[in-house]
Amino acid sequence: ENVFQLNLQVTLLGITRAASGSAMTLGEMQAMGSIGISCVLTTLKLREVWNFFKIHRAIKDGIDERYSELSDENKASLTSVWWTVLSIRVWSLVMIGGMGYAMAKLVAVYYCEDS
């Protein structure tokens, strides 16, 4: 949700900038502040994900050592956890890509004449 909001904010900033001309308006400054806050919050979310993966790796290493001792039910639960972790990895990549895309659009707002 943070990346979606960030992209919307940058798009709106581009539209506002195109409508107002080259002068920096108060609205643009407010938008830049909001975009900055969104970038910080998205980065904090990515840090949380990074910490999750570190904890997951430690737990997984411990479970791998004793996997043969687990019941079939617990092994099935681990499969479910594996799919959840995989989806978190995919969405993390989407988040990183979306943030990069928003930053590219932000650069285009100020450096490309036709954006």
Foldseek 3Di string as FASTA:
>chain_A
DLLVVLLVLLVVLLVVCVVVDPDQDPVNVVSVVVSVVSVVVLVVVLVVLVVVVVVVVVVVVVCVVVVVVDDPVVVVVVVVVVVVNVVSVVVSVVSVVSVVVSVVSNCCSNPPPVD
